[in-house]
Amino acid sequence: MFNLLFLLVCMVSAVFGFILGRDLNNIKKWKQQERKKNIEVIGRIALKAYAYIKKQKKILH
């Protein structure tokens, strides 16, 4: 009886661990995608700013 109960508890905890692990993995992937998007946006802004500064220098000289 004790062995069956122990086995049941182990199975339930394994299932919960699997589900939680999968969710955490998805959250990590989502955060990495967000970070990539942020880097892309910052890159675009930097390129625009660089082009704008170049234009301003041409106008001044």
PDB file of N, CA and C in Angstrom:
ATOM      1  N   MET A   1       0.827  -1.206   0.000  1.00  0.00           N
ATOM      2  CA  MET A   1       0.000   0.000   0.000  1.00  0.00           C
ATOM      3  C   MET A   1       0.864   1.260   0.000  1.00  0.00           C
ATOM      4  N   PHE A   2       1.883   1.278   0.861  1.00  0.00           N
ATOM      5  CA  PHE A   2       2.759   2.450   0.943  1.00  0.00           C
ATOM      6  C   PHE A   2       3.496   2.667  -0.376  1.00  0.00           C
ATOM      7  N   ASN A   3       3.926   1.564  -1.001  1.00  0.00           N
ATOM      8  CA  ASN A   3       4.655   1.667  -2.267  1.00  0.00           C
ATOM      9  C   ASN A   3       3.784   2.276  -3.356  1.00  0.00           C
ATOM     10  N   LEU A   4       2.516   1.873  -3.427  1.00  0.00           N
ATOM     11  CA  LEU A   4       1.596   2.417  -4.425  1.00  0.00           C
ATOM     12  C   LEU A   4       1.385   3.912  -4.207  1.00  0.00           C
ATOM     13  N   LEU A   5       1.199   4.299  -2.955  1.00  0.00           N
ATOM     14  CA  LEU A   5       0.996   5.706  -2.618  1.00  0.00           C
ATOM     15  C   LEU A   5       2.233   6.522  -3.000  1.00  0.00           C
ATOM     16  N   PHE A   6       3.416   5.984  -2.685  1.00  0.00           N
ATOM     17  CA  PHE A   6       4.675   6.658  -3.011  1.00  0.00           C
ATOM     18  C   PHE A   6       4.821   6.827  -4.525  1.00  0.00           C
ATOM     19  N   LEU A   7       4.476   5.769  -5.264  1.00  0.00           N
ATOM     20  CA  LEU A   7       4.556   5.804  -6.722  1.00  0.00           C
ATOM     21  C   LEU A   7       3.613   6.875  -7.284  1.00  0.00           C
ATOM     22  N   LEU A   8       2.396   6.948  -6.725  1.00  0.00           N
ATOM     23  CA  LEU A   8       1.413   7.938  -7.174  1.00  0.00           C
ATOM     24  C   LEU A   8       1.936   9.363  -6.937  1.00  0.00           C
ATOM     25  N   VAL A   9       2.491   9.596  -5.735  1.00  0.00           N
ATOM     26  CA  VAL A   9       3.034  10.915  -5.404  1.00  0.00           C
ATOM     27  C   VAL A   9       4.172  11.267  -6.365  1.00  0.00           C
ATOM     28  N   CYS A  10       5.044  10.292  -6.650  1.00  0.00           N
ATOM     29  CA  CYS A  10       6.163  10.539  -7.576  1.00  0.00           C
ATOM     30  C   CYS A  10       5.649  10.883  -8.966  1.00  0.00           C
ATOM     31  N   MET A  11       4.631  10.170  -9.433  1.00  0.00           N
ATOM     32  CA  MET A  11       4.092  10.428 -10.776  1.00  0.00           C
ATOM     33  C   MET A  11       3.479  11.824 -10.853  1.00  0.00           C
ATOM     34  N   VAL A  12       2.700  12.172  -9.834  1.00  0.00           N
ATOM     35  CA  VAL A  12       2.048  13.490  -9.821  1.00  0.00           C
ATOM     36  C   VAL A  12       3.102  14.592  -9.808  1.00  0.00           C
ATOM     37  N   SER A  13       4.131  14.441  -8.960  1.00  0.00           N
ATOM     38  CA  SER A  13       5.165  15.479  -8.890  1.00  0.00           C
ATOM     39  C   SER A  13       5.953  15.550 -10.200  1.00  0.00           C
ATOM     40  N   ALA A  14       6.151  14.400 -10.853  1.00  0.00           N
ATOM     41  CA  ALA A  14       6.866  14.394 -12.133  1.00  0.00           C
ATOM     42  C   ALA A  14       6.063  15.142 -13.194  1.00  0.00           C
ATOM     43  N   VAL A  15       4.745  14.913 -13.215  1.00  0.00           N
ATOM     44  CA  VAL A  15       3.886  15.604 -14.192  1.00  0.00           C
ATOM     45  C   VAL A  15       3.909  17.108 -13.947  1.00  0.00           C
ATOM     46  N   PHE A  16       3.760  17.501 -12.674  1.00  0.00           N
ATOM     47  CA  PHE A  16       3.797  18.931 -12.355  1.00  0.00           C
ATOM     48  C   PHE A  16       5.150  19.537 -12.714  1.00  0.00           C
ATOM     49  N   GLY A  17       6.226  18.806 -12.417  1.00  0.00           N
ATOM     50  CA  GLY A  17       7.565  19.292 -12.752  1.00  0.00           C
ATOM     51  C   GLY A  17       7.728  19.482 -14.243  1.00  0.00           C
ATOM     52  N   PHE A  18       7.197  18.535 -15.014  1.00  0.00           N
ATOM     53  CA  PHE A  18       7.304  18.627 -16.473  1.00  0.00           C
ATOM     54  C   PHE A  18       6.562  19.852 -16.996  1.00  0.00           C
ATOM     55  N   ILE A  19       5.324  20.047 -16.494  1.00  0.00           N
ATOM     56  CA  ILE A  19       4.508  21.187 -16.958  1.00  0.00           C
ATOM     57  C   ILE A  19       5.181  22.509 -16.575  1.00  0.00           C
ATOM     58  N   LEU A  20       5.638  22.609 -15.328  1.00  0.00           N
ATOM     59  CA  LEU A  20       6.280  23.847 -14.877  1.00  0.00           C
ATOM     60  C   LEU A  20       7.565  24.099 -15.649  1.00  0.00           C
ATOM     61  N   GLY A  21       8.337  23.033 -15.880  1.00  0.00           N
ATOM     62  CA  GLY A  21       9.588  23.178 -16.632  1.00  0.00           C
ATOM     63  C   GLY A  21       9.335  23.681 -18.035  1.00  0.00           C
ATOM     64  N   ARG A  22       8.277  23.160 -18.654  1.00  0.00           N
ATOM     65  CA  ARG A  22       7.955  23.572 -20.023  1.00  0.00           C
ATOM     66  C   ARG A  22       7.547  25.049 -20.046  1.00  0.00           C
ATOM     67  N   ASP A  23       6.735  25.447 -19.063  1.00  0.00           N
ATOM     68  CA  ASP A  23       6.303  26.846 -18.989  1.00  0.00           C
ATOM     69  C   ASP A  23       7.501  27.774 -18.789  1.00  0.00           C
ATOM     70  N   LEU A  24       8.424  27.382 -17.906  1.00  0.00           N
ATOM     71  CA  LEU A  24       9.601  28.211 -17.656  1.00  0.00           C
ATOM     72  C   LEU A  24      10.440  28.334 -18.920  1.00  0.00           C
ATOM     73  N   ASN A  25      10.538  27.240 -19.670  1.00  0.00           N
ATOM     74  CA  ASN A  25      11.292  27.266 -20.920  1.00  0.00           C
ATOM     75  C   ASN A  25      10.648  28.236 -21.904  1.00  0.00           C
ATOM     76  N   ASN A  26       9.309  28.194 -21.998  1.00  0.00           N
ATOM     77  CA  ASN A  26       8.595  29.108 -22.894  1.00  0.00           C
ATOM     78  C   ASN A  26       8.819  30.555 -22.482  1.00  0.00           C
ATOM     79  N   ILE A  27       8.805  30.813 -21.174  1.00  0.00           N
ATOM     80  CA  ILE A  27       9.015  32.177 -20.684  1.00  0.00           C
ATOM     81  C   ILE A  27      10.423  32.648 -21.056  1.00  0.00           C
ATOM     82  N   LYS A  28      11.416  31.757 -20.906  1.00  0.00           N
ATOM     83  CA  LYS A  28      12.789  32.121 -21.275  1.00  0.00           C
ATOM     84  C   LYS A  28      12.877  32.471 -22.749  1.00  0.00           C
ATOM     85  N   LYS A  29      12.247  31.647 -23.604  1.00  0.00           N
ATOM     86  CA  LYS A  29      12.275  31.913 -25.053  1.00  0.00           C
ATOM     87  C   LYS A  29      11.620  33.254 -25.348  1.00  0.00           C
ATOM     88  N   TRP A  30      10.478  33.521 -24.694  1.00  0.00           N
ATOM     89  CA  TRP A  30       9.756  34.763 -24.923  1.00  0.00           C
ATOM     90  C   TRP A  30      10.619  35.959 -24.526  1.00  0.00           C
ATOM     91  N   LYS A  31      11.327  35.835 -23.380  1.00  0.00           N
ATOM     92  CA  LYS A  31      12.186  36.930 -22.938  1.00  0.00           C
ATOM     93  C   LYS A  31      13.328  37.158 -23.921  1.00  0.00           C
ATOM     94  N   GLN A  32      13.892  36.069 -24.468  1.00  0.00           N
ATOM     95  CA  GLN A  32      14.966  36.217 -25.450  1.00  0.00           C
ATOM     96  C   GLN A  32      14.454  36.935 -26.686  1.00  0.00           C
ATOM     97  N   GLN A  33      13.232  36.592 -27.129  1.00  0.00           N
ATOM     98  CA  GLN A  33      12.652  37.265 -28.295  1.00  0.00           C
ATOM     99  C   GLN A  33      12.444  38.742 -28.005  1.00  0.00           C
ATOM    100  N   GLU A  34      11.956  39.057 -26.809  1.00  0.00           N
ATOM    101  CA  GLU A  34      11.755  40.451 -26.430  1.00  0.00           C
ATOM    102  C   GLU A  34      13.075  41.210 -26.452  1.00  0.00           C
ATOM    103  N   ARG A  35      14.130  40.575 -25.927  1.00  0.00           N
ATOM    104  CA  ARG A  35      15.441  41.207 -25.889  1.00  0.00           C
ATOM    105  C   ARG A  35      15.935  41.473 -27.313  1.00  0.00           C
ATOM    106  N   LYS A  36      15.736  40.495 -28.208  1.00  0.00           N
ATOM    107  CA  LYS A  36      16.144  40.678 -29.607  1.00  0.00           C
ATOM    108  C   LYS A  36      15.401  41.850 -30.224  1.00  0.00           C
ATOM    109  N   LYS A  37      14.084  41.926 -29.971  1.00  0.00           N
ATOM    110  CA  LYS A  37      13.292  43.038 -30.514  1.00  0.00           C
ATOM    111  C   LYS A  37      13.820  44.368 -29.992  1.00  0.00           C
ATOM    112  N   ASN A  38      14.113  44.429 -28.686  1.00  0.00           N
ATOM    113  CA  ASN A  38      14.618  45.672 -28.105  1.00  0.00           C
ATOM    114  C   ASN A  38      15.936  46.070 -28.747  1.00  0.00           C
ATOM    115  N   ILE A  39      16.814  45.095 -28.968  1.00  0.00           N
ATOM    116  CA  ILE A  39      18.113  45.398 -29.583  1.00  0.00           C
ATOM    117  C   ILE A  39      17.907  45.917 -31.005  1.00  0.00           C
ATOM    118  N   GLU A  40      16.959  45.280 -31.749  1.00  0.00           N
ATOM    119  CA  GLU A  40      16.681  45.738 -33.112  1.00  0.00           C
ATOM    120  C   GLU A  40      16.160  47.165 -33.113  1.00  0.00           C
ATOM    121  N   VAL A  41      15.254  47.476 -32.198  1.00  0.00           N
ATOM    122  CA  VAL A  41      14.681  48.830 -32.130  1.00  0.00           C
ATOM    123  C   VAL A  41      15.782  49.843 -31.801  1.00  0.00           C
ATOM    124  N   ILE A  42      16.627  49.517 -30.824  1.00  0.00           N
ATOM    125  CA  ILE A  42      17.718  50.426 -30.452  1.00  0.00           C
ATOM    126  C   ILE A  42      18.658  50.625 -31.643  1.00  0.00           C
ATOM    127  N   GLY A  43      18.923  49.539 -32.376  1.00  0.00           N
ATOM    128  CA  GLY A  43      19.786  49.629 -33.555  1.00  0.00           C
ATOM    129  C   GLY A  43      19.201  50.560 -34.606  1.00  0.00           C
ATOM    130  N   ARG A  44      17.901  50.422 -34.853  1.00  0.00           N
ATOM    131  CA  ARG A  44      17.244  51.291 -35.839  1.00  0.00           C
ATOM    132  C   ARG A  44      17.313  52.753 -35.414  1.00  0.00           C
ATOM    133  N   ILE A  45      17.045  53.000 -34.134  1.00  0.00           N
ATOM    134  CA  ILE A  45      17.082  54.382 -33.642  1.00  0.00           C
ATOM    135  C   ILE A  45      18.496  54.942 -33.794  1.00  0.00           C
ATOM    136  N   ALA A  46      19.502  54.116 -33.466  1.00  0.00           N
ATOM    137  CA  ALA A  46      20.888  54.573 -33.577  1.00  0.00           C
ATOM    138  C   ALA A  46      21.232  54.898 -35.026  1.00  0.00           C
ATOM    139  N   LEU A  47      20.791  54.058 -35.967  1.00  0.00           N
ATOM    140  CA  LEU A  47      21.070  54.318 -37.388  1.00  0.00           C
ATOM    141  C   LEU A  47      20.395  55.610 -37.851  1.00  0.00           C
ATOM    142  N   LYS A  48      19.153  55.808 -37.426  1.00  0.00           N
ATOM    143  CA  LYS A  48      18.440  57.041 -37.796  1.00  0.00           C
ATOM    144  C   LYS A  48      19.150  58.266 -37.226  1.00  0.00           C
ATOM    145  N   ALA A  49      19.565  58.156 -35.971  1.00  0.00           N
ATOM    146  CA  ALA A  49      20.256  59.278 -35.340  1.00  0.00           C
ATOM    147  C   ALA A  49      21.568  59.559 -36.062  1.00  0.00           C
ATOM    148  N   TYR A  50      22.289  58.509 -36.427  1.00  0.00           N
ATOM    149  CA  TYR A  50      23.563  58.670 -37.139  1.00  0.00           C
ATOM    150  C   TYR A  50      23.341  59.364 -38.479  1.00  0.00           C
ATOM    151  N   ALA A  51      22.310  58.911 -39.219  1.00  0.00           N
ATOM    152  CA  ALA A  51      22.009  59.523 -40.521  1.00  0.00           C
ATOM    153  C   ALA A  51      21.606  60.989 -40.340  1.00  0.00           C
ATOM    154  N   TYR A  52      20.836  61.283 -39.312  1.00  0.00           N
ATOM    155  CA  TYR A  52      20.393  62.654 -39.053  1.00  0.00           C
ATOM    156  C   TYR A  52      21.587  63.551 -38.741  1.00  0.00           C
ATOM    157  N   ILE A  53      22.517  63.046 -37.897  1.00  0.00           N
ATOM    158  CA  ILE A  53      23.709  63.826 -37.543  1.00  0.00           C
ATOM    159  C   ILE A  53      24.561  64.073 -38.784  1.00  0.00           C
ATOM    160  N   LYS A  54      24.688  63.063 -39.645  1.00  0.00           N
ATOM    161  CA  LYS A  54      25.462  63.230 -40.881  1.00  0.00           C
ATOM    162  C   LYS A  54      24.848  64.337 -41.746  1.00  0.00           C
ATOM    163  N   LYS A  55      23.509  64.316 -41.876  1.00  0.00           N
ATOM    164  CA  LYS A  55      22.815  65.347 -42.659  1.00  0.00           C
ATOM    165  C   LYS A  55      23.081  66.729 -42.071  1.00  0.00           C
ATOM    166  N   GLN A  56      22.974  66.847 -40.751  1.00  0.00           N
ATOM    167  CA  GLN A  56      23.183  68.134 -40.090  1.00  0.00           C
ATOM    168  C   GLN A  56      24.599  68.646 -40.338  1.00  0.00           C
ATOM    169  N   LYS A  57      25.584  67.752 -40.301  1.00  0.00           N
ATOM    170  CA  LYS A  57      26.963  68.174 -40.534  1.00  0.00           C
ATOM    171  C   LYS A  57      27.135  68.685 -41.956  1.00  0.00           C
ATOM    172  N   LYS A  58      26.482  68.016 -42.918  1.00  0.00           N
ATOM    173  CA  LYS A  58      26.577  68.448 -44.317  1.00  0.00           C
ATOM    174  C   LYS A  58      25.958  69.833 -44.485  1.00  0.00           C
ATOM    175  N   ILE A  59      24.841  70.076 -43.798  1.00  0.00           N
ATOM    176  CA  ILE A  59      24.161  71.369 -43.895  1.00  0.00           C
ATOM    177  C   ILE A  59      25.047  72.461 -43.288  1.00  0.00           C
ATOM    178  N   LEU A  60      25.686  72.166 -42.148  1.00  0.00           N
ATOM    179  CA  LEU A  60      26.504  73.157 -41.465  1.00  0.00           C
ATOM    180  C   LEU A  60      27.766  73.505 -42.258  1.00  0.00           C
ATOM    181  N   HIS A  61      28.387  72.495 -42.904  1.00  0.00           N
ATOM    182  CA  HIS A  61      29.658  72.766 -43.610  1.00  0.00           C
ATOM    183  C   HIS A  61      29.435  73.228 -45.018  1.00  0.00           C
TER     184      HIS A  61
END
